[in-house]
N, C-alpha and C. Protein backbone atom coordinates (compact mmCIF):
# COMPACT_ATOMS: atom_id res chain seq x y z
N MET A 1 3.09 6.26 -31.81
CA MET A 1 3.60 6.69 -30.52
C MET A 1 3.48 5.53 -29.53
N THR A 2 4.58 5.18 -28.86
CA THR A 2 4.55 4.09 -27.89
C THR A 2 4.33 4.65 -26.49
N SER A 3 3.60 3.92 -25.71
CA SER A 3 3.36 4.37 -24.34
C SER A 3 4.43 3.77 -23.43
N LEU A 4 4.78 4.50 -22.42
CA LEU A 4 5.75 4.03 -21.46
C LEU A 4 5.10 2.98 -20.57
N PRO A 5 5.89 2.01 -20.07
CA PRO A 5 5.30 1.02 -19.17
C PRO A 5 4.80 1.69 -17.89
N ARG A 6 3.76 1.09 -17.31
CA ARG A 6 3.23 1.64 -16.07
C ARG A 6 4.23 1.42 -14.95
N PRO A 7 4.42 2.44 -14.10
CA PRO A 7 5.26 2.20 -12.92
C PRO A 7 4.55 1.23 -12.00
N SER A 8 5.33 0.49 -11.21
CA SER A 8 4.73 -0.47 -10.27
C SER A 8 5.19 -0.15 -8.85
N VAL A 9 4.26 -0.27 -7.93
CA VAL A 9 4.51 0.04 -6.52
C VAL A 9 4.06 -1.13 -5.67
N LEU A 10 4.90 -1.49 -4.71
CA LEU A 10 4.59 -2.54 -3.74
C LEU A 10 4.53 -1.91 -2.36
N PHE A 11 3.41 -2.08 -1.67
CA PHE A 11 3.26 -1.61 -0.29
C PHE A 11 3.41 -2.81 0.63
N VAL A 12 4.27 -2.68 1.64
CA VAL A 12 4.57 -3.80 2.54
C VAL A 12 4.41 -3.38 3.99
N CYS A 13 3.66 -4.17 4.75
CA CYS A 13 3.64 -4.05 6.21
C CYS A 13 3.64 -5.47 6.77
N VAL A 14 3.64 -5.61 8.06
CA VAL A 14 3.79 -6.93 8.65
C VAL A 14 2.62 -7.85 8.29
N HIS A 15 1.39 -7.42 8.59
CA HIS A 15 0.24 -8.31 8.45
C HIS A 15 -0.52 -8.15 7.14
N ASN A 16 -0.20 -7.10 6.36
CA ASN A 16 -0.91 -6.83 5.10
C ASN A 16 -2.42 -6.82 5.33
N ALA A 17 -2.81 -6.26 6.46
CA ALA A 17 -4.22 -6.24 6.83
C ALA A 17 -4.75 -4.83 7.08
N GLY A 18 -3.87 -3.83 7.08
CA GLY A 18 -4.30 -2.48 7.39
C GLY A 18 -3.63 -1.44 6.51
N ARG A 19 -2.46 -0.97 6.96
CA ARG A 19 -1.78 0.14 6.27
C ARG A 19 -1.51 -0.15 4.80
N SER A 20 -0.91 -1.29 4.51
CA SER A 20 -0.55 -1.58 3.11
C SER A 20 -1.80 -1.80 2.26
N GLN A 21 -2.86 -2.34 2.85
CA GLN A 21 -4.12 -2.51 2.12
C GLN A 21 -4.73 -1.15 1.78
N MET A 22 -4.71 -0.23 2.76
CA MET A 22 -5.26 1.10 2.51
C MET A 22 -4.43 1.84 1.46
N ALA A 23 -3.11 1.75 1.57
CA ALA A 23 -2.23 2.44 0.61
C ALA A 23 -2.44 1.92 -0.80
N ALA A 24 -2.51 0.59 -0.95
CA ALA A 24 -2.73 0.01 -2.27
C ALA A 24 -4.08 0.45 -2.84
N ALA A 25 -5.10 0.44 -1.99
CA ALA A 25 -6.44 0.83 -2.45
C ALA A 25 -6.46 2.29 -2.88
N TRP A 26 -5.81 3.16 -2.09
CA TRP A 26 -5.75 4.57 -2.46
C TRP A 26 -5.04 4.75 -3.79
N LEU A 27 -3.90 4.07 -3.98
CA LEU A 27 -3.14 4.26 -5.22
C LEU A 27 -3.92 3.72 -6.41
N GLU A 28 -4.56 2.59 -6.27
CA GLU A 28 -5.40 2.07 -7.36
C GLU A 28 -6.50 3.06 -7.70
N HIS A 29 -7.16 3.59 -6.67
CA HIS A 29 -8.27 4.53 -6.85
C HIS A 29 -7.80 5.82 -7.50
N LEU A 30 -6.74 6.42 -6.96
CA LEU A 30 -6.29 7.73 -7.42
C LEU A 30 -5.54 7.69 -8.75
N SER A 31 -4.92 6.56 -9.07
CA SER A 31 -4.15 6.48 -10.32
C SER A 31 -5.01 6.12 -11.51
N GLY A 32 -6.20 5.62 -11.27
CA GLY A 32 -7.07 5.24 -12.36
C GLY A 32 -6.45 4.19 -13.28
N GLY A 33 -5.68 3.28 -12.70
CA GLY A 33 -5.07 2.21 -13.49
C GLY A 33 -3.74 2.57 -14.14
N ARG A 34 -3.25 3.76 -13.89
CA ARG A 34 -1.98 4.18 -14.51
C ARG A 34 -0.76 3.67 -13.78
N VAL A 35 -0.97 3.03 -12.61
CA VAL A 35 0.12 2.46 -11.82
C VAL A 35 -0.25 1.02 -11.49
N GLU A 36 0.72 0.12 -11.62
CA GLU A 36 0.51 -1.26 -11.19
C GLU A 36 0.73 -1.30 -9.68
N VAL A 37 -0.23 -1.83 -8.96
CA VAL A 37 -0.21 -1.77 -7.50
C VAL A 37 -0.20 -3.18 -6.91
N ARG A 38 0.70 -3.38 -5.93
CA ARG A 38 0.75 -4.65 -5.19
C ARG A 38 0.82 -4.31 -3.70
N SER A 39 0.40 -5.28 -2.88
CA SER A 39 0.62 -5.14 -1.44
C SER A 39 0.90 -6.52 -0.88
N ALA A 40 1.67 -6.57 0.20
CA ALA A 40 2.04 -7.85 0.80
C ALA A 40 2.46 -7.62 2.25
N GLY A 41 2.59 -8.74 2.97
CA GLY A 41 3.01 -8.67 4.36
C GLY A 41 4.08 -9.71 4.66
N SER A 42 4.95 -9.37 5.59
CA SER A 42 6.01 -10.30 5.98
C SER A 42 5.46 -11.45 6.82
N ALA A 43 4.33 -11.22 7.51
CA ALA A 43 3.64 -12.26 8.27
C ALA A 43 2.14 -12.00 8.12
N PRO A 44 1.56 -12.31 6.95
CA PRO A 44 0.18 -11.92 6.66
C PRO A 44 -0.84 -12.46 7.65
N ALA A 45 -1.83 -11.61 7.93
CA ALA A 45 -2.96 -12.01 8.77
C ALA A 45 -3.90 -12.90 7.96
N GLU A 46 -4.91 -13.42 8.61
CA GLU A 46 -5.89 -14.25 7.90
C GLU A 46 -6.88 -13.42 7.10
N SER A 47 -7.12 -12.18 7.55
CA SER A 47 -8.08 -11.32 6.85
C SER A 47 -7.71 -9.86 7.06
N VAL A 48 -8.31 -9.00 6.25
CA VAL A 48 -8.10 -7.56 6.36
C VAL A 48 -8.82 -7.06 7.61
N ASN A 49 -8.19 -6.13 8.31
CA ASN A 49 -8.73 -5.54 9.53
C ASN A 49 -10.11 -4.93 9.25
N PRO A 50 -11.14 -5.35 9.99
CA PRO A 50 -12.51 -4.83 9.75
C PRO A 50 -12.62 -3.32 9.89
N ALA A 51 -11.88 -2.71 10.81
CA ALA A 51 -11.93 -1.26 10.95
C ALA A 51 -11.32 -0.57 9.73
N THR A 52 -10.32 -1.20 9.13
CA THR A 52 -9.72 -0.68 7.91
C THR A 52 -10.72 -0.75 6.76
N VAL A 53 -11.42 -1.88 6.65
CA VAL A 53 -12.45 -2.04 5.62
C VAL A 53 -13.51 -0.96 5.79
N GLU A 54 -13.97 -0.74 7.02
CA GLU A 54 -15.01 0.26 7.29
C GLU A 54 -14.52 1.67 6.97
N ALA A 55 -13.29 1.99 7.37
CA ALA A 55 -12.75 3.33 7.12
C ALA A 55 -12.64 3.61 5.63
N MET A 56 -12.22 2.63 4.85
CA MET A 56 -12.11 2.83 3.41
C MET A 56 -13.49 2.90 2.76
N ALA A 57 -14.45 2.13 3.26
CA ALA A 57 -15.82 2.18 2.72
C ALA A 57 -16.41 3.58 2.91
N GLU A 58 -16.04 4.25 3.99
CA GLU A 58 -16.54 5.60 4.24
C GLU A 58 -16.14 6.58 3.15
N VAL A 59 -15.03 6.30 2.44
CA VAL A 59 -14.58 7.18 1.36
C VAL A 59 -14.86 6.56 -0.01
N GLY A 60 -15.74 5.54 -0.02
CA GLY A 60 -16.18 4.96 -1.28
C GLY A 60 -15.25 3.93 -1.90
N ILE A 61 -14.33 3.37 -1.11
CA ILE A 61 -13.40 2.37 -1.64
C ILE A 61 -13.66 1.06 -0.91
N ASP A 62 -14.00 0.03 -1.68
CA ASP A 62 -14.36 -1.26 -1.12
C ASP A 62 -13.16 -2.21 -1.13
N ILE A 63 -12.66 -2.55 0.05
CA ILE A 63 -11.56 -3.52 0.15
C ILE A 63 -12.01 -4.76 0.92
N ALA A 64 -13.31 -4.94 1.06
CA ALA A 64 -13.85 -6.05 1.85
C ALA A 64 -13.43 -7.41 1.31
N ALA A 65 -13.23 -7.53 0.00
CA ALA A 65 -12.88 -8.83 -0.59
C ALA A 65 -11.37 -9.05 -0.66
N ASN A 66 -10.58 -8.06 -0.25
CA ASN A 66 -9.12 -8.21 -0.29
C ASN A 66 -8.65 -9.29 0.67
N THR A 67 -7.53 -9.91 0.33
CA THR A 67 -6.94 -10.95 1.16
C THR A 67 -5.47 -10.63 1.40
N PRO A 68 -5.00 -10.69 2.65
CA PRO A 68 -3.58 -10.49 2.90
C PRO A 68 -2.73 -11.49 2.11
N THR A 69 -1.60 -11.00 1.60
CA THR A 69 -0.72 -11.78 0.73
C THR A 69 0.68 -11.83 1.34
N VAL A 70 1.35 -12.95 1.18
CA VAL A 70 2.70 -13.08 1.70
C VAL A 70 3.70 -12.35 0.79
N LEU A 71 4.64 -11.69 1.41
CA LEU A 71 5.71 -10.98 0.71
C LEU A 71 6.68 -11.98 0.10
N THR A 72 7.00 -11.80 -1.19
CA THR A 72 7.97 -12.65 -1.85
C THR A 72 9.09 -11.79 -2.44
N PRO A 73 10.28 -12.35 -2.57
CA PRO A 73 11.36 -11.60 -3.24
C PRO A 73 10.96 -11.19 -4.66
N GLU A 74 10.16 -12.02 -5.34
CA GLU A 74 9.74 -11.70 -6.70
C GLU A 74 8.87 -10.44 -6.75
N ALA A 75 8.00 -10.28 -5.76
CA ALA A 75 7.15 -9.09 -5.73
C ALA A 75 8.00 -7.83 -5.58
N VAL A 76 9.06 -7.93 -4.79
CA VAL A 76 9.97 -6.79 -4.62
C VAL A 76 10.72 -6.54 -5.93
N GLN A 77 11.26 -7.59 -6.52
CA GLN A 77 12.02 -7.45 -7.76
C GLN A 77 11.18 -6.86 -8.88
N ASP A 78 9.90 -7.22 -8.93
CA ASP A 78 9.01 -6.79 -10.01
C ASP A 78 8.44 -5.40 -9.81
N SER A 79 8.80 -4.73 -8.73
CA SER A 79 8.25 -3.41 -8.42
C SER A 79 9.31 -2.33 -8.61
N ASP A 80 8.87 -1.17 -9.10
CA ASP A 80 9.77 -0.03 -9.26
C ASP A 80 10.01 0.68 -7.93
N VAL A 81 8.96 0.74 -7.12
CA VAL A 81 9.02 1.41 -5.82
C VAL A 81 8.49 0.45 -4.76
N VAL A 82 9.21 0.33 -3.65
CA VAL A 82 8.78 -0.49 -2.52
C VAL A 82 8.58 0.43 -1.33
N VAL A 83 7.35 0.49 -0.84
CA VAL A 83 7.03 1.34 0.31
C VAL A 83 6.80 0.42 1.50
N THR A 84 7.68 0.53 2.49
CA THR A 84 7.56 -0.28 3.69
C THR A 84 6.87 0.52 4.80
N MET A 85 6.15 -0.20 5.63
CA MET A 85 5.42 0.41 6.74
C MET A 85 5.58 -0.47 7.96
N GLY A 86 6.79 -0.54 8.47
CA GLY A 86 7.02 -1.30 9.68
C GLY A 86 7.35 -2.76 9.48
N CYS A 87 7.83 -3.15 8.28
CA CYS A 87 8.17 -4.58 8.12
C CYS A 87 9.61 -4.84 8.51
N GLY A 88 10.38 -3.79 8.79
CA GLY A 88 11.74 -3.94 9.30
C GLY A 88 12.64 -4.78 8.42
N ASP A 89 13.41 -5.64 9.05
CA ASP A 89 14.39 -6.45 8.34
C ASP A 89 13.77 -7.57 7.51
N ALA A 90 12.47 -7.80 7.64
CA ALA A 90 11.82 -8.87 6.90
C ALA A 90 11.65 -8.52 5.42
N CYS A 91 11.81 -7.26 5.07
CA CYS A 91 11.62 -6.84 3.69
C CYS A 91 12.91 -7.07 2.90
N PRO A 92 12.86 -7.86 1.82
CA PRO A 92 14.06 -8.09 1.03
C PRO A 92 14.57 -6.80 0.41
N PHE A 93 15.88 -6.66 0.33
CA PHE A 93 16.49 -5.46 -0.24
C PHE A 93 17.23 -5.83 -1.51
N PHE A 94 16.95 -5.09 -2.57
CA PHE A 94 17.64 -5.29 -3.84
C PHE A 94 18.28 -3.97 -4.25
N PRO A 95 19.60 -3.95 -4.48
CA PRO A 95 20.28 -2.72 -4.89
C PRO A 95 19.64 -2.12 -6.14
N GLY A 96 19.56 -0.80 -6.15
CA GLY A 96 19.02 -0.10 -7.30
C GLY A 96 17.52 0.08 -7.27
N LYS A 97 16.86 -0.54 -6.34
CA LYS A 97 15.41 -0.43 -6.20
C LYS A 97 15.10 0.80 -5.35
N ARG A 98 14.04 1.51 -5.67
CA ARG A 98 13.64 2.68 -4.87
C ARG A 98 12.81 2.21 -3.68
N TYR A 99 13.28 2.56 -2.49
CA TYR A 99 12.57 2.21 -1.24
C TYR A 99 12.14 3.48 -0.52
N GLU A 100 10.97 3.43 0.07
CA GLU A 100 10.51 4.49 0.97
C GLU A 100 9.98 3.79 2.22
N ASP A 101 10.23 4.37 3.38
CA ASP A 101 9.69 3.82 4.62
C ASP A 101 8.74 4.85 5.20
N TRP A 102 7.48 4.49 5.27
CA TRP A 102 6.46 5.37 5.82
C TRP A 102 6.19 4.96 7.26
N VAL A 103 6.47 5.85 8.19
CA VAL A 103 6.20 5.58 9.60
C VAL A 103 4.76 5.99 9.88
N LEU A 104 3.93 4.97 10.11
CA LEU A 104 2.50 5.18 10.35
C LEU A 104 2.05 4.30 11.50
N GLU A 105 1.09 4.77 12.25
CA GLU A 105 0.54 3.96 13.34
C GLU A 105 -0.10 2.70 12.77
N ASP A 106 0.09 1.59 13.46
CA ASP A 106 -0.51 0.31 13.04
C ASP A 106 -1.97 0.31 13.48
N PRO A 107 -2.92 0.11 12.54
CA PRO A 107 -4.33 0.11 12.91
C PRO A 107 -4.81 -1.16 13.60
N ALA A 108 -3.96 -2.15 13.76
CA ALA A 108 -4.36 -3.41 14.40
C ALA A 108 -4.95 -3.14 15.78
N GLY A 109 -6.13 -3.66 16.02
CA GLY A 109 -6.78 -3.53 17.32
C GLY A 109 -7.46 -2.20 17.56
N LEU A 110 -7.41 -1.29 16.58
CA LEU A 110 -8.03 0.03 16.76
C LEU A 110 -9.43 0.03 16.16
N GLY A 111 -10.27 0.90 16.69
CA GLY A 111 -11.61 1.10 16.12
C GLY A 111 -11.55 2.04 14.94
N VAL A 112 -12.64 2.12 14.20
CA VAL A 112 -12.67 2.92 12.98
C VAL A 112 -12.35 4.40 13.26
N GLU A 113 -12.78 4.91 14.42
CA GLU A 113 -12.49 6.32 14.72
C GLU A 113 -11.00 6.58 14.83
N SER A 114 -10.22 5.59 15.23
CA SER A 114 -8.76 5.74 15.31
C SER A 114 -8.08 5.41 13.99
N VAL A 115 -8.76 4.67 13.12
CA VAL A 115 -8.19 4.31 11.82
C VAL A 115 -8.35 5.47 10.82
N ARG A 116 -9.37 6.28 10.96
CA ARG A 116 -9.61 7.38 10.01
C ARG A 116 -8.39 8.29 9.83
N PRO A 117 -7.73 8.76 10.92
CA PRO A 117 -6.56 9.63 10.71
C PRO A 117 -5.42 8.91 9.98
N ILE A 118 -5.27 7.61 10.22
CA ILE A 118 -4.23 6.83 9.52
C ILE A 118 -4.59 6.75 8.04
N ARG A 119 -5.85 6.46 7.75
CA ARG A 119 -6.34 6.42 6.36
C ARG A 119 -6.07 7.74 5.65
N ASP A 120 -6.36 8.85 6.32
CA ASP A 120 -6.20 10.17 5.71
C ASP A 120 -4.72 10.51 5.50
N GLU A 121 -3.85 10.13 6.43
CA GLU A 121 -2.41 10.35 6.27
C GLU A 121 -1.87 9.52 5.10
N ILE A 122 -2.35 8.30 4.98
CA ILE A 122 -1.92 7.45 3.86
C ILE A 122 -2.34 8.09 2.54
N ARG A 123 -3.54 8.64 2.47
CA ARG A 123 -3.97 9.29 1.22
C ARG A 123 -3.02 10.42 0.84
N ILE A 124 -2.65 11.24 1.80
CA ILE A 124 -1.74 12.36 1.54
C ILE A 124 -0.42 11.85 0.98
N ARG A 125 0.11 10.79 1.58
CA ARG A 125 1.39 10.23 1.12
C ARG A 125 1.26 9.59 -0.26
N VAL A 126 0.15 8.92 -0.50
CA VAL A 126 -0.08 8.30 -1.81
C VAL A 126 -0.21 9.38 -2.88
N GLU A 127 -0.91 10.47 -2.58
CA GLU A 127 -1.02 11.57 -3.54
C GLU A 127 0.35 12.13 -3.91
N ALA A 128 1.23 12.29 -2.93
CA ALA A 128 2.58 12.79 -3.19
C ALA A 128 3.38 11.79 -4.03
N LEU A 129 3.25 10.50 -3.71
CA LEU A 129 3.94 9.47 -4.48
C LEU A 129 3.43 9.45 -5.91
N LEU A 130 2.15 9.55 -6.09
CA LEU A 130 1.56 9.55 -7.42
C LEU A 130 2.02 10.75 -8.24
N ALA A 131 2.10 11.91 -7.62
CA ALA A 131 2.60 13.10 -8.32
C ALA A 131 4.03 12.93 -8.76
N ASP A 132 4.81 12.21 -7.96
CA ASP A 132 6.22 11.94 -8.30
C ASP A 132 6.32 10.92 -9.43
N LEU A 133 5.47 9.87 -9.38
CA LEU A 133 5.52 8.82 -10.38
C LEU A 133 4.97 9.26 -11.73
N LEU A 134 3.93 10.07 -11.70
CA LEU A 134 3.25 10.53 -12.93
C LEU A 134 3.17 12.05 -12.93
N PRO A 135 4.30 12.75 -13.09
CA PRO A 135 4.29 14.20 -12.95
C PRO A 135 3.45 14.92 -14.00
N ASP A 136 3.20 14.30 -15.13
CA ASP A 136 2.42 14.96 -16.19
C ASP A 136 0.94 14.61 -16.14
N ALA A 137 0.57 13.85 -15.13
CA ALA A 137 -0.84 13.40 -15.05
C ALA A 137 -1.73 14.47 -14.48
């Protein structure tokens, strides 16, 4: 019996320091390795937002060592699903690729108490995406 290839998801936001980092971490955590996960930014920050790191640590997910990554056309091409979060026209578009745009508040400059609701909304969306990608899981 051959196994099907793992679906791949790319999360994109401008700085790759908050929303896309949380989404990627949630999908990695919840999928248990059954989904290939990438994240990138159209204008990456130097480091992940500290409030984002703290909010994820509160739910047992450590993203402290993560580093923002620049968005490349190859990352988009190599992904089955591209989830954008405010990257606008900077995100490359390839026909036939599945795109979703998640409208979420940007956690930049916010304290952890304001990041928690964003973190929780991202989890809900990631759970729905995961159920769609792996319906038999």
